[in-house]
PDB file of N, CA and C in Angstrom:
ATOM      1  N   UNK A   1       5.136 -27.820 -20.564  1.00  0.00           N
ATOM      2  CA  UNK A   1       3.807 -28.052 -21.088  1.00  0.00           C
ATOM      3  C   UNK A   1       2.773 -27.588 -20.063  1.00  0.00           C
ATOM      4  N   UNK A   2       1.826 -26.807 -20.516  1.00  0.00           N
ATOM      5  CA  UNK A   2       0.815 -26.265 -19.629  1.00  0.00           C
ATOM      6  C   UNK A   2      -0.330 -27.262 -19.462  1.00  0.00           C
ATOM      7  N   UNK A   3      -0.844 -27.317 -18.225  1.00  0.00           N
ATOM      8  CA  UNK A   3      -1.938 -28.232 -17.928  1.00  0.00           C
ATOM      9  C   UNK A   3      -3.251 -27.709 -18.501  1.00  0.00           C
ATOM     10  N   UNK A   4      -4.144 -28.623 -18.844  1.00  0.00           N
ATOM     11  CA  UNK A   4      -5.478 -28.243 -19.303  1.00  0.00           C
ATOM     12  C   UNK A   4      -6.448 -28.113 -18.142  1.00  0.00           C
ATOM     13  N   UNK A   5      -6.280 -28.964 -17.130  1.00  0.00           N
ATOM     14  CA  UNK A   5      -7.193 -28.985 -15.996  1.00  0.00           C
ATOM     15  C   UNK A   5      -6.421 -28.911 -14.679  1.00  0.00           C
ATOM     16  N   UNK A   6      -7.045 -28.248 -13.704  1.00  0.00           N
ATOM     17  CA  UNK A   6      -6.447 -28.075 -12.388  1.00  0.00           C
ATOM     18  C   UNK A   6      -7.420 -28.572 -11.330  1.00  0.00           C
ATOM     19  N   UNK A   7      -6.894 -29.204 -10.290  1.00  0.00           N
ATOM     20  CA  UNK A   7      -7.746 -29.686  -9.206  1.00  0.00           C
ATOM     21  C   UNK A   7      -8.254 -28.500  -8.390  1.00  0.00           C
ATOM     22  N   UNK A   8      -9.195 -28.779  -7.508  1.00  0.00           N
ATOM     23  CA  UNK A   8      -9.730 -27.717  -6.670  1.00  0.00           C
ATOM     24  C   UNK A   8      -8.642 -27.179  -5.735  1.00  0.00           C
ATOM     25  N   UNK A   9      -7.747 -28.050  -5.268  1.00  0.00           N
ATOM     26  CA  UNK A   9      -6.655 -27.609  -4.390  1.00  0.00           C
ATOM     27  C   UNK A   9      -5.695 -26.685  -5.150  1.00  0.00           C
ATOM     28  N   UNK A  10      -5.347 -27.059  -6.376  1.00  0.00           N
ATOM     29  CA  UNK A  10      -4.462 -26.221  -7.190  1.00  0.00           C
ATOM     30  C   UNK A  10      -5.129 -24.884  -7.512  1.00  0.00           C
ATOM     31  N   UNK A  11      -6.416 -24.930  -7.805  1.00  0.00           N
ATOM     32  CA  UNK A  11      -7.162 -23.709  -8.116  1.00  0.00           C
ATOM     33  C   UNK A  11      -7.243 -22.809  -6.895  1.00  0.00           C
ATOM     34  N   UNK A  12      -7.476 -23.399  -5.746  1.00  0.00           N
ATOM     35  CA  UNK A  12      -7.535 -22.639  -4.498  1.00  0.00           C
ATOM     36  C   UNK A  12      -6.205 -21.953  -4.220  1.00  0.00           C
ATOM     37  N   UNK A  13      -5.123 -22.663  -4.413  1.00  0.00           N
ATOM     38  CA  UNK A  13      -3.793 -22.098  -4.198  1.00  0.00           C
ATOM     39  C   UNK A  13      -3.499 -20.975  -5.196  1.00  0.00           C
ATOM     40  N   UNK A  14      -3.873 -21.177  -6.456  1.00  0.00           N
ATOM     41  CA  UNK A  14      -3.633 -20.188  -7.517  1.00  0.00           C
ATOM     42  C   UNK A  14      -4.410 -18.891  -7.276  1.00  0.00           C
ATOM     43  N   UNK A  15      -5.664 -19.023  -6.820  1.00  0.00           N
ATOM     44  CA  UNK A  15      -6.533 -17.858  -6.681  1.00  0.00           C
ATOM     45  C   UNK A  15      -6.563 -17.258  -5.283  1.00  0.00           C
ATOM     46  N   UNK A  16      -6.145 -18.031  -4.291  1.00  0.00           N
ATOM     47  CA  UNK A  16      -6.225 -17.554  -2.911  1.00  0.00           C
ATOM     48  C   UNK A  16      -7.625 -17.665  -2.327  1.00  0.00           C
ATOM     49  N   UNK A  17      -8.498 -18.410  -2.986  1.00  0.00           N
ATOM     50  CA  UNK A  17      -9.870 -18.614  -2.537  1.00  0.00           C
ATOM     51  C   UNK A  17      -9.959 -20.011  -1.928  1.00  0.00           C
ATOM     52  N   UNK A  18     -10.594 -20.122  -0.767  1.00  0.00           N
ATOM     53  CA  UNK A  18     -10.679 -21.428  -0.105  1.00  0.00           C
ATOM     54  C   UNK A  18     -11.494 -22.414  -0.943  1.00  0.00           C
ATOM     55  N   UNK A  19     -11.222 -23.689  -0.736  1.00  0.00           N
ATOM     56  CA  UNK A  19     -11.934 -24.722  -1.488  1.00  0.00           C
ATOM     57  C   UNK A  19     -13.425 -24.696  -1.169  1.00  0.00           C
ATOM     58  N   UNK A  20     -13.781 -24.448   0.091  1.00  0.00           N
ATOM     59  CA  UNK A  20     -15.203 -24.389   0.443  1.00  0.00           C
ATOM     60  C   UNK A  20     -15.885 -23.213  -0.247  1.00  0.00           C
ATOM     61  N   UNK A  21     -15.190 -22.091  -0.362  1.00  0.00           N
ATOM     62  CA  UNK A  21     -15.756 -20.937  -1.058  1.00  0.00           C
ATOM     63  C   UNK A  21     -15.908 -21.229  -2.548  1.00  0.00           C
ATOM     64  N   UNK A  22     -14.960 -21.939  -3.148  1.00  0.00           N
ATOM     65  CA  UNK A  22     -15.073 -22.321  -4.558  1.00  0.00           C
ATOM     66  C   UNK A  22     -16.296 -23.200  -4.781  1.00  0.00           C
ATOM     67  N   UNK A  23     -16.515 -24.162  -3.872  1.00  0.00           N
ATOM     68  CA  UNK A  23     -17.685 -25.030  -4.002  1.00  0.00           C
ATOM     69  C   UNK A  23     -18.979 -24.229  -3.849  1.00  0.00           C
ATOM     70  N   UNK A  24     -18.984 -23.270  -2.912  1.00  0.00           N
ATOM     71  CA  UNK A  24     -20.155 -22.423  -2.705  1.00  0.00           C
ATOM     72  C   UNK A  24     -20.434 -21.573  -3.943  1.00  0.00           C
ATOM     73  N   UNK A  25     -19.399 -20.945  -4.484  1.00  0.00           N
ATOM     74  CA  UNK A  25     -19.562 -20.116  -5.680  1.00  0.00           C
ATOM     75  C   UNK A  25     -20.091 -20.938  -6.843  1.00  0.00           C
ATOM     76  N   UNK A  26     -19.664 -22.187  -6.922  1.00  0.00           N
ATOM     77  CA  UNK A  26     -20.126 -23.060  -7.998  1.00  0.00           C
ATOM     78  C   UNK A  26     -21.649 -23.226  -7.943  1.00  0.00           C
ATOM     79  N   UNK A  27     -22.200 -23.273  -6.732  1.00  0.00           N
ATOM     80  CA  UNK A  27     -23.657 -23.398  -6.586  1.00  0.00           C
ATOM     81  C   UNK A  27     -24.370 -22.074  -6.874  1.00  0.00           C
ATOM     82  N   UNK A  28     -23.723 -20.957  -6.563  1.00  0.00           N
ATOM     83  CA  UNK A  28     -24.359 -19.646  -6.647  1.00  0.00           C
ATOM     84  C   UNK A  28     -24.157 -18.915  -7.982  1.00  0.00           C
ATOM     85  N   UNK A  29     -23.077 -19.198  -8.675  1.00  0.00           N
ATOM     86  CA  UNK A  29     -22.744 -18.501  -9.922  1.00  0.00           C
ATOM     87  C   UNK A  29     -22.907 -19.491 -11.086  1.00  0.00           C
ATOM     88  N   UNK A  30     -23.947 -19.318 -11.897  1.00  0.00           N
ATOM     89  CA  UNK A  30     -24.192 -20.296 -12.969  1.00  0.00           C
ATOM     90  C   UNK A  30     -23.075 -20.395 -14.003  1.00  0.00           C
ATOM     91  N   UNK A  31     -22.296 -19.334 -14.190  1.00  0.00           N
ATOM     92  CA  UNK A  31     -21.221 -19.366 -15.182  1.00  0.00           C
ATOM     93  C   UNK A  31     -20.045 -20.250 -14.733  1.00  0.00           C
ATOM     94  N   UNK A  32     -19.942 -20.517 -13.436  1.00  0.00           N
ATOM     95  CA  UNK A  32     -18.825 -21.308 -12.906  1.00  0.00           C
ATOM     96  C   UNK A  32     -19.231 -22.781 -12.851  1.00  0.00           C
ATOM     97  N   UNK A  33     -18.835 -23.514 -13.854  1.00  0.00           N
ATOM     98  CA  UNK A  33     -19.158 -24.935 -13.949  1.00  0.00           C
ATOM     99  C   UNK A  33     -17.905 -25.725 -14.306  1.00  0.00           C
ATOM    100  N   UNK A  34     -17.104 -26.119 -13.302  1.00  0.00           N
ATOM    101  CA  UNK A  34     -15.905 -26.907 -13.621  1.00  0.00           C
ATOM    102  C   UNK A  34     -16.292 -28.287 -14.162  1.00  0.00           C
ATOM    103  N   UNK A  35     -15.380 -28.843 -14.931  1.00  0.00           N
ATOM    104  CA  UNK A  35     -15.591 -30.185 -15.461  1.00  0.00           C
ATOM    105  C   UNK A  35     -15.516 -31.181 -14.313  1.00  0.00           C
ATOM    106  N   UNK A  36     -16.232 -32.277 -14.462  1.00  0.00           N
ATOM    107  CA  UNK A  36     -16.187 -33.343 -13.456  1.00  0.00           C
ATOM    108  C   UNK A  36     -15.978 -34.682 -14.154  1.00  0.00           C
ATOM    109  N   UNK A  37     -15.253 -35.557 -13.472  1.00  0.00           N
ATOM    110  CA  UNK A  37     -15.087 -36.900 -14.022  1.00  0.00           C
ATOM    111  C   UNK A  37     -16.183 -37.807 -13.465  1.00  0.00           C
ATOM    112  N   UNK A  38     -16.084 -39.099 -13.757  1.00  0.00           N
ATOM    113  CA  UNK A  38     -17.129 -40.030 -13.315  1.00  0.00           C
ATOM    114  C   UNK A  38     -17.199 -40.142 -11.793  1.00  0.00           C
ATOM    115  N   UNK A  39     -16.137 -39.778 -11.096  1.00  0.00           N
ATOM    116  CA  UNK A  39     -16.131 -39.793  -9.640  1.00  0.00           C
ATOM    117  C   UNK A  39     -16.577 -38.449  -9.058  1.00  0.00           C
ATOM    118  N   UNK A  40     -17.012 -37.533  -9.935  1.00  0.00           N
ATOM    119  CA  UNK A  40     -17.513 -36.212  -9.563  1.00  0.00           C
ATOM    120  C   UNK A  40     -16.424 -35.285  -9.021  1.00  0.00           C
ATOM    121  N   UNK A  41     -15.169 -35.576  -9.345  1.00  0.00           N
ATOM    122  CA  UNK A  41     -14.061 -34.717  -8.955  1.00  0.00           C
ATOM    123  C   UNK A  41     -14.051 -33.494  -9.859  1.00  0.00           C
ATOM    124  N   UNK A  42     -13.882 -32.331  -9.249  1.00  0.00           N
ATOM    125  CA  UNK A  42     -13.880 -31.078 -10.009  1.00  0.00           C
ATOM    126  C   UNK A  42     -12.531 -30.852 -10.689  1.00  0.00           C
ATOM    127  N   UNK A  43     -12.587 -30.369 -11.926  1.00  0.00           N
ATOM    128  CA  UNK A  43     -11.392 -29.980 -12.655  1.00  0.00           C
ATOM    129  C   UNK A  43     -11.647 -28.630 -13.313  1.00  0.00           C
ATOM    130  N   UNK A  44     -10.793 -27.667 -13.004  1.00  0.00           N
ATOM    131  CA  UNK A  44     -10.956 -26.292 -13.483  1.00  0.00           C
ATOM    132  C   UNK A  44     -10.025 -26.016 -14.651  1.00  0.00           C
ATOM    133  N   UNK A  45     -10.515 -25.247 -15.617  1.00  0.00           N
ATOM    134  CA  UNK A  45      -9.704 -24.813 -16.749  1.00  0.00           C
ATOM    135  C   UNK A  45      -9.131 -23.425 -16.441  1.00  0.00           C
ATOM    136  N   UNK A  46      -8.254 -22.941 -17.307  1.00  0.00           N
ATOM    137  CA  UNK A  46      -7.725 -21.575 -17.171  1.00  0.00           C
ATOM    138  C   UNK A  46      -8.860 -20.551 -17.203  1.00  0.00           C
ATOM    139  N   UNK A  47      -9.873 -20.808 -18.036  1.00  0.00           N
ATOM    140  CA  UNK A  47     -11.023 -19.902 -18.119  1.00  0.00           C
ATOM    141  C   UNK A  47     -11.793 -19.878 -16.804  1.00  0.00           C
ATOM    142  N   UNK A  48     -11.943 -21.050 -16.170  1.00  0.00           N
ATOM    143  CA  UNK A  48     -12.614 -21.114 -14.872  1.00  0.00           C
ATOM    144  C   UNK A  48     -11.832 -20.316 -13.830  1.00  0.00           C
ATOM    145  N   UNK A  49     -10.508 -20.443 -13.854  1.00  0.00           N
ATOM    146  CA  UNK A  49      -9.664 -19.728 -12.904  1.00  0.00           C
ATOM    147  C   UNK A  49      -9.779 -18.224 -13.118  1.00  0.00           C
ATOM    148  N   UNK A  50      -9.825 -17.780 -14.369  1.00  0.00           N
ATOM    149  CA  UNK A  50     -10.006 -16.361 -14.652  1.00  0.00           C
ATOM    150  C   UNK A  50     -11.366 -15.886 -14.147  1.00  0.00           C
ATOM    151  N   UNK A  51     -12.394 -16.693 -14.335  1.00  0.00           N
ATOM    152  CA  UNK A  51     -13.726 -16.346 -13.848  1.00  0.00           C
ATOM    153  C   UNK A  51     -13.724 -16.227 -12.320  1.00  0.00           C
ATOM    154  N   UNK A  52     -13.032 -17.117 -11.636  1.00  0.00           N
ATOM    155  CA  UNK A  52     -12.934 -17.064 -10.177  1.00  0.00           C
ATOM    156  C   UNK A  52     -12.247 -15.770  -9.751  1.00  0.00           C
ATOM    157  N   UNK A  53     -11.191 -15.393 -10.444  1.00  0.00           N
ATOM    158  CA  UNK A  53     -10.509 -14.131 -10.137  1.00  0.00           C
ATOM    159  C   UNK A  53     -11.440 -12.945 -10.371  1.00  0.00           C
ATOM    160  N   UNK A  54     -12.263 -13.021 -11.413  1.00  0.00           N
ATOM    161  CA  UNK A  54     -13.228 -11.955 -11.681  1.00  0.00           C
ATOM    162  C   UNK A  54     -14.269 -11.856 -10.561  1.00  0.00           C
ATOM    163  N   UNK A  55     -14.755 -12.992 -10.099  1.00  0.00           N
ATOM    164  CA  UNK A  55     -15.738 -13.007  -9.010  1.00  0.00           C
ATOM    165  C   UNK A  55     -15.131 -12.394  -7.760  1.00  0.00           C
ATOM    166  N   UNK A  56     -13.916 -12.801  -7.435  1.00  0.00           N
ATOM    167  CA  UNK A  56     -13.220 -12.266  -6.266  1.00  0.00           C
ATOM    168  C   UNK A  56     -13.031 -10.755  -6.388  1.00  0.00           C
ATOM    169  N   UNK A  57     -12.627 -10.303  -7.567  1.00  0.00           N
ATOM    170  CA  UNK A  57     -12.455  -8.870  -7.821  1.00  0.00           C
ATOM    171  C   UNK A  57     -13.765  -8.118  -7.598  1.00  0.00           C
ATOM    172  N   UNK A  58     -14.843  -8.631  -8.148  1.00  0.00           N
ATOM    173  CA  UNK A  58     -16.137  -7.955  -8.027  1.00  0.00           C
ATOM    174  C   UNK A  58     -16.602  -7.886  -6.575  1.00  0.00           C
ATOM    175  N   UNK A  59     -16.360  -8.943  -5.821  1.00  0.00           N
ATOM    176  CA  UNK A  59     -16.784  -8.939  -4.424  1.00  0.00           C
ATOM    177  C   UNK A  59     -15.918  -8.026  -3.564  1.00  0.00           C
ATOM    178  N   UNK A  60     -14.608  -8.123  -3.710  1.00  0.00           N
ATOM    179  CA  UNK A  60     -13.704  -7.375  -2.832  1.00  0.00           C
ATOM    180  C   UNK A  60     -13.503  -5.933  -3.253  1.00  0.00           C
ATOM    181  N   UNK A  61     -13.373  -5.679  -4.535  1.00  0.00           N
ATOM    182  CA  UNK A  61     -13.053  -4.340  -5.011  1.00  0.00           C
ATOM    183  C   UNK A  61     -14.303  -3.522  -5.318  1.00  0.00           C
ATOM    184  N   UNK A  62     -15.285  -4.157  -5.942  1.00  0.00           N
ATOM    185  CA  UNK A  62     -16.505  -3.444  -6.317  1.00  0.00           C
ATOM    186  C   UNK A  62     -17.597  -3.580  -5.250  1.00  0.00           C
ATOM    187  N   UNK A  63     -17.312  -4.370  -4.205  1.00  0.00           N
ATOM    188  CA  UNK A  63     -18.239  -4.573  -3.072  1.00  0.00           C
ATOM    189  C   UNK A  63     -19.619  -5.055  -3.510  1.00  0.00           C
ATOM    190  N   UNK A  64     -19.652  -5.996  -4.436  1.00  0.00           N
ATOM    191  CA  UNK A  64     -20.923  -6.532  -4.915  1.00  0.00           C
ATOM    192  C   UNK A  64     -21.306  -7.792  -4.148  1.00  0.00           C
ATOM    193  N   UNK A  65     -22.604  -7.995  -3.980  1.00  0.00           N
ATOM    194  CA  UNK A  65     -23.107  -9.242  -3.425  1.00  0.00           C
ATOM    195  C   UNK A  65     -23.060 -10.299  -4.527  1.00  0.00           C
ATOM    196  N   UNK A  66     -23.343 -11.543  -4.169  1.00  0.00           N
ATOM    197  CA  UNK A  66     -23.323 -12.594  -5.191  1.00  0.00           C
ATOM    198  C   UNK A  66     -24.387 -12.360  -6.253  1.00  0.00           C
ATOM    199  N   UNK A  67     -25.536 -11.818  -5.884  1.00  0.00           N
ATOM    200  CA  UNK A  67     -26.545 -11.532  -6.906  1.00  0.00           C
ATOM    201  C   UNK A  67     -26.053 -10.420  -7.834  1.00  0.00           C
ATOM    202  N   UNK A  68     -25.344  -9.433  -7.288  1.00  0.00           N
ATOM    203  CA  UNK A  68     -24.749  -8.388  -8.113  1.00  0.00           C
ATOM    204  C   UNK A  68     -23.665  -8.938  -9.021  1.00  0.00           C
ATOM    205  N   UNK A  69     -22.882  -9.872  -8.504  1.00  0.00           N
ATOM    206  CA  UNK A  69     -21.834 -10.521  -9.300  1.00  0.00           C
ATOM    207  C   UNK A  69     -22.460 -11.287 -10.462  1.00  0.00           C
ATOM    208  N   UNK A  70     -23.523 -12.056 -10.167  1.00  0.00           N
ATOM    209  CA  UNK A  70     -24.209 -12.816 -11.225  1.00  0.00           C
ATOM    210  C   UNK A  70     -24.688 -11.888 -12.336  1.00  0.00           C
ATOM    211  N   UNK A  71     -25.307 -10.792 -11.940  1.00  0.00           N
ATOM    212  CA  UNK A  71     -25.845  -9.838 -12.913  1.00  0.00           C
ATOM    213  C   UNK A  71     -24.731  -9.201 -13.740  1.00  0.00           C
ATOM    214  N   UNK A  72     -23.665  -8.767 -13.075  1.00  0.00           N
ATOM    215  CA  UNK A  72     -22.561  -8.111 -13.777  1.00  0.00           C
ATOM    216  C   UNK A  72     -21.879  -9.078 -14.734  1.00  0.00           C
ATOM    217  N   UNK A  73     -21.692 -10.339 -14.318  1.00  0.00           N
ATOM    218  CA  UNK A  73     -21.066 -11.330 -15.190  1.00  0.00           C
ATOM    219  C   UNK A  73     -21.942 -11.619 -16.406  1.00  0.00           C
ATOM    220  N   UNK A  74     -23.233 -11.601 -16.216  1.00  0.00           N
ATOM    221  CA  UNK A  74     -24.155 -11.868 -17.314  1.00  0.00           C
ATOM    222  C   UNK A  74     -24.086 -10.760 -18.362  1.00  0.00           C
ATOM    223  N   UNK A  75     -23.909  -9.523 -17.908  1.00  0.00           N
ATOM    224  CA  UNK A  75     -23.962  -8.381 -18.823  1.00  0.00           C
ATOM    225  C   UNK A  75     -22.603  -7.961 -19.374  1.00  0.00           C
ATOM    226  N   UNK A  76     -21.558  -7.983 -18.537  1.00  0.00           N
ATOM    227  CA  UNK A  76     -20.277  -7.362 -18.939  1.00  0.00           C
ATOM    228  C   UNK A  76     -19.064  -8.224 -18.610  1.00  0.00           C
ATOM    229  N   UNK A  77     -19.054  -9.444 -19.023  1.00  0.00           N
ATOM    230  CA  UNK A  77     -17.971 -10.361 -18.674  1.00  0.00           C
ATOM    231  C   UNK A  77     -16.602  -9.901 -19.186  1.00  0.00           C
ATOM    232  N   UNK A  78     -16.525  -9.450 -20.433  1.00  0.00           N
ATOM    233  CA  UNK A  78     -15.241  -9.039 -21.010  1.00  0.00           C
ATOM    234  C   UNK A  78     -14.677  -7.804 -20.310  1.00  0.00           C
ATOM    235  N   UNK A  79     -15.540  -6.858 -20.022  1.00  0.00           N
ATOM    236  CA  UNK A  79     -15.111  -5.631 -19.341  1.00  0.00           C
ATOM    237  C   UNK A  79     -14.578  -5.944 -17.944  1.00  0.00           C
ATOM    238  N   UNK A  80     -15.230  -6.840 -17.246  1.00  0.00           N
ATOM    239  CA  UNK A  80     -14.810  -7.206 -15.892  1.00  0.00           C
ATOM    240  C   UNK A  80     -13.441  -7.862 -15.928  1.00  0.00           C
ATOM    241  N   UNK A  81     -13.229  -8.749 -16.879  1.00  0.00           N
ATOM    242  CA  UNK A  81     -11.950  -9.438 -17.004  1.00  0.00           C
ATOM    243  C   UNK A  81     -10.817  -8.443 -17.236  1.00  0.00           C
ATOM    244  N   UNK A  82     -11.059  -7.483 -18.094  1.00  0.00           N
ATOM    245  CA  UNK A  82     -10.044  -6.466 -18.388  1.00  0.00           C
ATOM    246  C   UNK A  82      -9.750  -5.623 -17.141  1.00  0.00           C
ATOM    247  N   UNK A  83     -10.796  -5.187 -16.440  1.00  0.00           N
ATOM    248  CA  UNK A  83     -10.604  -4.381 -15.225  1.00  0.00           C
ATOM    249  C   UNK A  83      -9.871  -5.171 -14.145  1.00  0.00           C
ATOM    250  N   UNK A  84     -10.221  -6.448 -14.002  1.00  0.00           N
ATOM    251  CA  UNK A  84      -9.594  -7.284 -12.983  1.00  0.00           C
ATOM    252  C   UNK A  84      -8.113  -7.455 -13.277  1.00  0.00           C
ATOM    253  N   UNK A  85      -7.753  -7.644 -14.531  1.00  0.00           N
ATOM    254  CA  UNK A  85      -6.343  -7.807 -14.892  1.00  0.00           C
ATOM    255  C   UNK A  85      -5.566  -6.513 -14.652  1.00  0.00           C
ATOM    256  N   UNK A  86      -6.167  -5.382 -14.965  1.00  0.00           N
ATOM    257  CA  UNK A  86      -5.525  -4.088 -14.700  1.00  0.00           C
ATOM    258  C   UNK A  86      -5.328  -3.900 -13.204  1.00  0.00           C
ATOM    259  N   UNK A  87      -6.350  -4.232 -12.424  1.00  0.00           N
ATOM    260  CA  UNK A  87      -6.271  -4.109 -10.970  1.00  0.00           C
ATOM    261  C   UNK A  87      -5.143  -4.978 -10.416  1.00  0.00           C
ATOM    262  N   UNK A  88      -5.038  -6.206 -10.922  1.00  0.00           N
ATOM    263  CA  UNK A  88      -3.992  -7.131 -10.488  1.00  0.00           C
ATOM    264  C   UNK A  88      -2.605  -6.572 -10.800  1.00  0.00           C
ATOM    265  N   UNK A  89      -2.422  -6.007 -11.996  1.00  0.00           N
ATOM    266  CA  UNK A  89      -1.131  -5.437 -12.385  1.00  0.00           C
ATOM    267  C   UNK A  89      -0.775  -4.233 -11.522  1.00  0.00           C
ATOM    268  N   UNK A  90      -1.755  -3.367 -11.291  1.00  0.00           N
ATOM    269  CA  UNK A  90      -1.507  -2.176 -10.464  1.00  0.00           C
ATOM    270  C   UNK A  90      -1.171  -2.563  -9.026  1.00  0.00           C
ATOM    271  N   UNK A  91      -1.833  -3.556  -8.507  1.00  0.00           N
ATOM    272  CA  UNK A  91      -1.548  -4.041  -7.158  1.00  0.00           C
ATOM    273  C   UNK A  91      -0.128  -4.584  -7.077  1.00  0.00           C
ATOM    274  N   UNK A  92       0.293  -5.294  -8.093  1.00  0.00           N
ATOM    275  CA  UNK A  92       1.654  -5.835  -8.144  1.00  0.00           C
ATOM    276  C   UNK A  92       2.685  -4.705  -8.218  1.00  0.00           C
ATOM    277  N   UNK A  93       2.415  -3.710  -9.030  1.00  0.00           N
ATOM    278  CA  UNK A  93       3.322  -2.561  -9.152  1.00  0.00           C
ATOM    279  C   UNK A  93       3.420  -1.821  -7.819  1.00  0.00           C
ATOM    280  N   UNK A  94       2.288  -1.637  -7.160  1.00  0.00           N
ATOM    281  CA  UNK A  94       2.256  -0.959  -5.856  1.00  0.00           C
ATOM    282  C   UNK A  94       3.110  -1.720  -4.836  1.00  0.00           C
ATOM    283  N   UNK A  95       2.995  -3.041  -4.843  1.00  0.00           N
ATOM    284  CA  UNK A  95       3.784  -3.881  -3.937  1.00  0.00           C
ATOM    285  C   UNK A  95       5.275  -3.718  -4.229  1.00  0.00           C
ATOM    286  N   UNK A  96       5.632  -3.732  -5.510  1.00  0.00           N
ATOM    287  CA  UNK A  96       7.032  -3.566  -5.907  1.00  0.00           C
ATOM    288  C   UNK A  96       7.569  -2.195  -5.487  1.00  0.00           C
ATOM    289  N   UNK A  97       6.776  -1.158  -5.679  1.00  0.00           N
ATOM    290  CA  UNK A  97       7.203   0.192  -5.297  1.00  0.00           C
ATOM    291  C   UNK A  97       7.407   0.311  -3.787  1.00  0.00           C
ATOM    292  N   UNK A  98       6.552  -0.310  -3.022  1.00  0.00           N
ATOM    293  CA  UNK A  98       6.724  -0.301  -1.560  1.00  0.00           C
ATOM    294  C   UNK A  98       8.007  -1.018  -1.155  1.00  0.00           C
ATOM    295  N   UNK A  99       8.301  -2.106  -1.848  1.00  0.00           N
ATOM    296  CA  UNK A  99       9.529  -2.846  -1.570  1.00  0.00           C
ATOM    297  C   UNK A  99      10.755  -1.997  -1.904  1.00  0.00           C
ATOM    298  N   UNK A 100      10.707  -1.286  -3.019  1.00  0.00           N
ATOM    299  CA  UNK A 100      11.816  -0.395  -3.401  1.00  0.00           C
ATOM    300  C   UNK A 100      11.969   0.720  -2.385  1.00  0.00           C
ATOM    301  N   UNK A 101      10.862   1.277  -1.936  1.00  0.00           N
ATOM    302  CA  UNK A 101      10.901   2.366  -0.957  1.00  0.00           C
ATOM    303  C   UNK A 101      11.538   1.916   0.361  1.00  0.00           C
ATOM    304  N   UNK A 102      11.352   0.665   0.741  1.00  0.00           N
ATOM    305  CA  UNK A 102      11.967   0.145   1.961  1.00  0.00           C
ATOM    306  C   UNK A 102      13.485   0.166   1.867  1.00  0.00           C
ATOM    307  N   UNK A 103      13.998  -0.068   0.676  1.00  0.00           N
ATOM    308  CA  UNK A 103      15.446  -0.165   0.485  1.00  0.00           C
ATOM    309  C   UNK A 103      16.127   1.182   0.279  1.00  0.00           C
ATOM    310  N   UNK A 104      15.345   2.238   0.169  1.00  0.00           N
ATOM    311  CA  UNK A 104      15.935   3.574  -0.036  1.00  0.00           C
ATOM    312  C   UNK A 104      16.325   4.244   1.257  1.00  0.00           C
TER     313      UNK A 104
END
């Protein structure tokens, strides 16, 4: 059974983004709004995790500042998600090919 909500620690581990950076992005990126309980504990959905991966992709691969990320997410969210997933798959394939090359 798949979980509906993930803690900040689980989200950090899944995305490779530090918890402090996740909290910072939450303040800077209006689209990133994790659910909170009455104790103000953050809970992220799968959609939030995908958005975090998109933000990371835009910053690292497209070299955008946070203001550029905000603008791009506002205008082209679906396109970014598709590009980020393709980038992730290609990176995985590249890693696998390097591993195969080591064994040859």
